[in-house]
Amino acid sequence: MVRFWGVRGSLPSPGADTAVVGGNTACVEVTGGGSRVILDAGSGLRALGDELVARGEHERTTLLLSHVHWDHVMGLPFFAPLYMSGSAIQLVSGAVPGMSLHDVLARRRW
């Protein structure tokens, strides 16, 4: 199953004017065969995390970042499962020349 939690470009713009197409930035949940992969961590990640916690499905997730532009990582600080003991979140991204993903995210000014 594929569920879109965010489809906007650079800036989230939730509200009545964007309700049909969505107002959060890139975040797509893909589930199947007992696995979950989240594609990008835009602002839609906050609502997805809240729902996963409410359903008790937050313990194991793979989060794949297509790239590390702000609109694709801005939801990370608000993803509740990251702060819950017992959660195993595998965070993966494409190559960033000369830097690890950890170093790239550590340089962000949250």
C-alpha atoms as a PDB file:
ATOM      1  CA  MET A   1       0.000   0.000   0.000  1.00  0.00           C
ATOM      2  CA  VAL A   2       1.220   3.519  -0.737  1.00  0.00           C
ATOM      3  CA  ARG A   3       0.013   6.520   1.271  1.00  0.00           C
ATOM      4  CA  PHE A   4       1.059  10.103   0.609  1.00  0.00           C
ATOM      5  CA  TRP A   5       1.596  12.190   3.763  1.00  0.00           C
ATOM      6  CA  GLY A   6       3.127  15.142   1.949  1.00  0.00           C
ATOM      7  CA  VAL A   7       3.469  16.163  -1.679  1.00  0.00           C
ATOM      8  CA  ARG A   8       4.424  19.838  -1.640  1.00  0.00           C
ATOM      9  CA  GLY A   9       7.632  21.374  -2.864  1.00  0.00           C
ATOM     10  CA  SER A  10       9.957  23.549  -0.836  1.00  0.00           C
ATOM     11  CA  LEU A  11       7.513  25.054   1.649  1.00  0.00           C
ATOM     12  CA  PRO A  12       4.631  23.407   3.520  1.00  0.00           C
ATOM     13  CA  SER A  13       1.336  25.164   2.973  1.00  0.00           C
ATOM     14  CA  PRO A  14      -1.436  23.245   4.763  1.00  0.00           C
ATOM     15  CA  GLY A  15      -4.953  24.621   4.796  1.00  0.00           C
ATOM     16  CA  ALA A  16      -8.240  24.704   2.961  1.00  0.00           C
ATOM     17  CA  ASP A  17      -6.625  25.900  -0.277  1.00  0.00           C
ATOM     18  CA  THR A  18      -4.348  22.855  -0.462  1.00  0.00           C
ATOM     19  CA  ALA A  19      -6.628  20.215   1.074  1.00  0.00           C
ATOM     20  CA  VAL A  20      -7.197  18.453  -2.243  1.00  0.00           C
ATOM     21  CA  VAL A  21      -3.513  17.973  -3.102  1.00  0.00           C
ATOM     22  CA  GLY A  22      -1.989  18.188   0.384  1.00  0.00           C
ATOM     23  CA  GLY A  23      -0.038  20.890   2.133  1.00  0.00           C
ATOM     24  CA  ASN A  24       2.901  19.024   3.684  1.00  0.00           C
ATOM     25  CA  THR A  25       6.292  18.513   2.079  1.00  0.00           C
ATOM     26  CA  ALA A  26       7.463  15.156   0.715  1.00  0.00           C
ATOM     27  CA  CYS A  27       6.658  12.079   2.779  1.00  0.00           C
ATOM     28  CA  VAL A  28       5.392   8.776   1.382  1.00  0.00           C
ATOM     29  CA  GLU A  29       4.658   5.600   3.355  1.00  0.00           C
ATOM     30  CA  VAL A  30       5.013   2.264   1.554  1.00  0.00           C
ATOM     31  CA  THR A  31       3.882  -0.904   3.347  1.00  0.00           C
ATOM     32  CA  GLY A  32       3.723  -4.525   2.295  1.00  0.00           C
ATOM     33  CA  GLY A  33       4.786  -7.964   3.396  1.00  0.00           C
ATOM     34  CA  GLY A  34       5.031  -6.838   7.013  1.00  0.00           C
ATOM     35  CA  SER A  35       7.523  -4.060   6.221  1.00  0.00           C
ATOM     36  CA  ARG A  36       7.300  -0.285   6.144  1.00  0.00           C
ATOM     37  CA  VAL A  37       9.502   2.125   4.210  1.00  0.00           C
ATOM     38  CA  ILE A  38       9.057   5.863   4.502  1.00  0.00           C
ATOM     39  CA  LEU A  39      10.317   7.864   1.539  1.00  0.00           C
ATOM     40  CA  ASP A  40      11.528  11.298   2.613  1.00  0.00           C
ATOM     41  CA  ALA A  41      11.053  13.109   5.894  1.00  0.00           C
ATOM     42  CA  GLY A  42       9.209  16.264   4.905  1.00  0.00           C
ATOM     43  CA  SER A  43       6.673  17.963   7.165  1.00  0.00           C
ATOM     44  CA  GLY A  44       4.184  15.128   6.562  1.00  0.00           C
ATOM     45  CA  LEU A  45       6.405  12.880   8.708  1.00  0.00           C
ATOM     46  CA  ARG A  46       5.042  14.433  11.918  1.00  0.00           C
ATOM     47  CA  ALA A  47       1.475  13.257  11.288  1.00  0.00           C
ATOM     48  CA  LEU A  48       2.702   9.859  10.086  1.00  0.00           C
ATOM     49  CA  GLY A  49       4.739   9.392  13.262  1.00  0.00           C
ATOM     50  CA  ASP A  50       1.790  10.363  15.439  1.00  0.00           C
ATOM     51  CA  GLU A  51      -0.417   7.831  13.662  1.00  0.00           C
ATOM     52  CA  LEU A  52       2.180   5.062  13.922  1.00  0.00           C
ATOM     53  CA  VAL A  53       2.446   5.659  17.672  1.00  0.00           C
ATOM     54  CA  ALA A  54      -1.350   5.696  18.071  1.00  0.00           C
ATOM     55  CA  ARG A  55      -1.595   2.369  16.210  1.00  0.00           C
ATOM     56  CA  GLY A  56       1.357   0.870  18.111  1.00  0.00           C
ATOM     57  CA  GLU A  57       3.255   0.383  14.836  1.00  0.00           C
ATOM     58  CA  HIS A  58       6.234   2.648  15.538  1.00  0.00           C
ATOM     59  CA  GLU A  59       8.821   0.092  16.657  1.00  0.00           C
ATOM     60  CA  ARG A  60      10.415  -0.761  13.303  1.00  0.00           C
ATOM     61  CA  THR A  61      10.710   1.505  10.277  1.00  0.00           C
ATOM     62  CA  THR A  62      13.101   2.273   7.441  1.00  0.00           C
ATOM     63  CA  LEU A  63      13.313   5.925   6.459  1.00  0.00           C
ATOM     64  CA  LEU A  64      14.892   6.589   3.054  1.00  0.00           C
ATOM     65  CA  LEU A  65      15.884  10.158   2.224  1.00  0.00           C
ATOM     66  CA  SER A  66      16.046  10.839  -1.509  1.00  0.00           C
ATOM     67  CA  HIS A  67      18.321  13.793  -0.734  1.00  0.00           C
ATOM     68  CA  VAL A  68      18.941  16.108   2.200  1.00  0.00           C
ATOM     69  CA  HIS A  69      17.395  19.400   1.104  1.00  0.00           C
ATOM     70  CA  TRP A  70      15.485  21.057   3.925  1.00  0.00           C
ATOM     71  CA  ASP A  71      12.021  20.224   2.551  1.00  0.00           C
ATOM     72  CA  HIS A  72      12.948  16.511   2.606  1.00  0.00           C
ATOM     73  CA  VAL A  73      14.269  16.424   6.209  1.00  0.00           C
ATOM     74  CA  MET A  74      12.262  19.090   8.054  1.00  0.00           C
ATOM     75  CA  GLY A  75       9.965  16.508   9.650  1.00  0.00           C
ATOM     76  CA  LEU A  76      12.759  14.576  11.403  1.00  0.00           C
ATOM     77  CA  PRO A  77      12.786  16.595  14.659  1.00  0.00           C
ATOM     78  CA  PHE A  78       9.022  16.064  14.959  1.00  0.00           C
ATOM     79  CA  PHE A  79       8.929  12.296  14.245  1.00  0.00           C
ATOM     80  CA  ALA A  80       7.822  10.933  17.629  1.00  0.00           C
ATOM     81  CA  PRO A  81       9.156   7.362  17.119  1.00  0.00           C
ATOM     82  CA  LEU A  82      12.716   8.744  17.068  1.00  0.00           C
ATOM     83  CA  TYR A  83      12.344   9.624  20.754  1.00  0.00           C
ATOM     84  CA  MET A  84      10.682   6.425  21.948  1.00  0.00           C
ATOM     85  CA  SER A  85      12.650   3.651  23.574  1.00  0.00           C
ATOM     86  CA  GLY A  86      12.315   0.367  21.758  1.00  0.00           C
ATOM     87  CA  SER A  87      12.000   1.999  18.342  1.00  0.00           C
ATOM     88  CA  ALA A  88      14.410   0.840  15.645  1.00  0.00           C
ATOM     89  CA  ILE A  89      14.527   3.458  12.910  1.00  0.00           C
ATOM     90  CA  GLN A  90      16.900   2.736  10.036  1.00  0.00           C
ATOM     91  CA  LEU A  91      17.790   6.061   8.395  1.00  0.00           C
ATOM     92  CA  VAL A  92      19.333   5.848   4.919  1.00  0.00           C
ATOM     93  CA  SER A  93      20.149   8.325   2.155  1.00  0.00           C
ATOM     94  CA  GLY A  94      21.926   8.645  -1.115  1.00  0.00           C
ATOM     95  CA  ALA A  95      25.595   9.555  -1.106  1.00  0.00           C
ATOM     96  CA  VAL A  96      26.674  12.953   0.123  1.00  0.00           C
ATOM     97  CA  PRO A  97      30.207  13.451  -1.215  1.00  0.00           C
ATOM     98  CA  GLY A  98      32.744  13.620   1.603  1.00  0.00           C
ATOM     99  CA  MET A  99      30.207  13.426   4.457  1.00  0.00           C
ATOM    100  CA  SER A 100      28.268  10.768   6.324  1.00  0.00           C
ATOM    101  CA  LEU A 101      24.515  11.171   6.742  1.00  0.00           C
ATOM    102  CA  HIS A 102      25.122  11.687  10.461  1.00  0.00           C
ATOM    103  CA  ASP A 103      27.477  14.611   9.729  1.00  0.00           C
ATOM    104  CA  VAL A 104      25.076  16.176   7.228  1.00  0.00           C
ATOM    105  CA  LEU A 105      22.167  16.070   9.684  1.00  0.00           C
ATOM    106  CA  ALA A 106      24.342  17.276  12.571  1.00  0.00           C
ATOM    107  CA  ARG A 107      25.135  20.428  10.568  1.00  0.00           C
ATOM    108  CA  ARG A 108      21.446  21.294  10.134  1.00  0.00           C
ATOM    109  CA  ARG A 109      20.229  24.148  12.317  1.00  0.00           C
ATOM    110  CA  TRP A 110      17.069  22.649  13.754  1.00  0.00           C
END
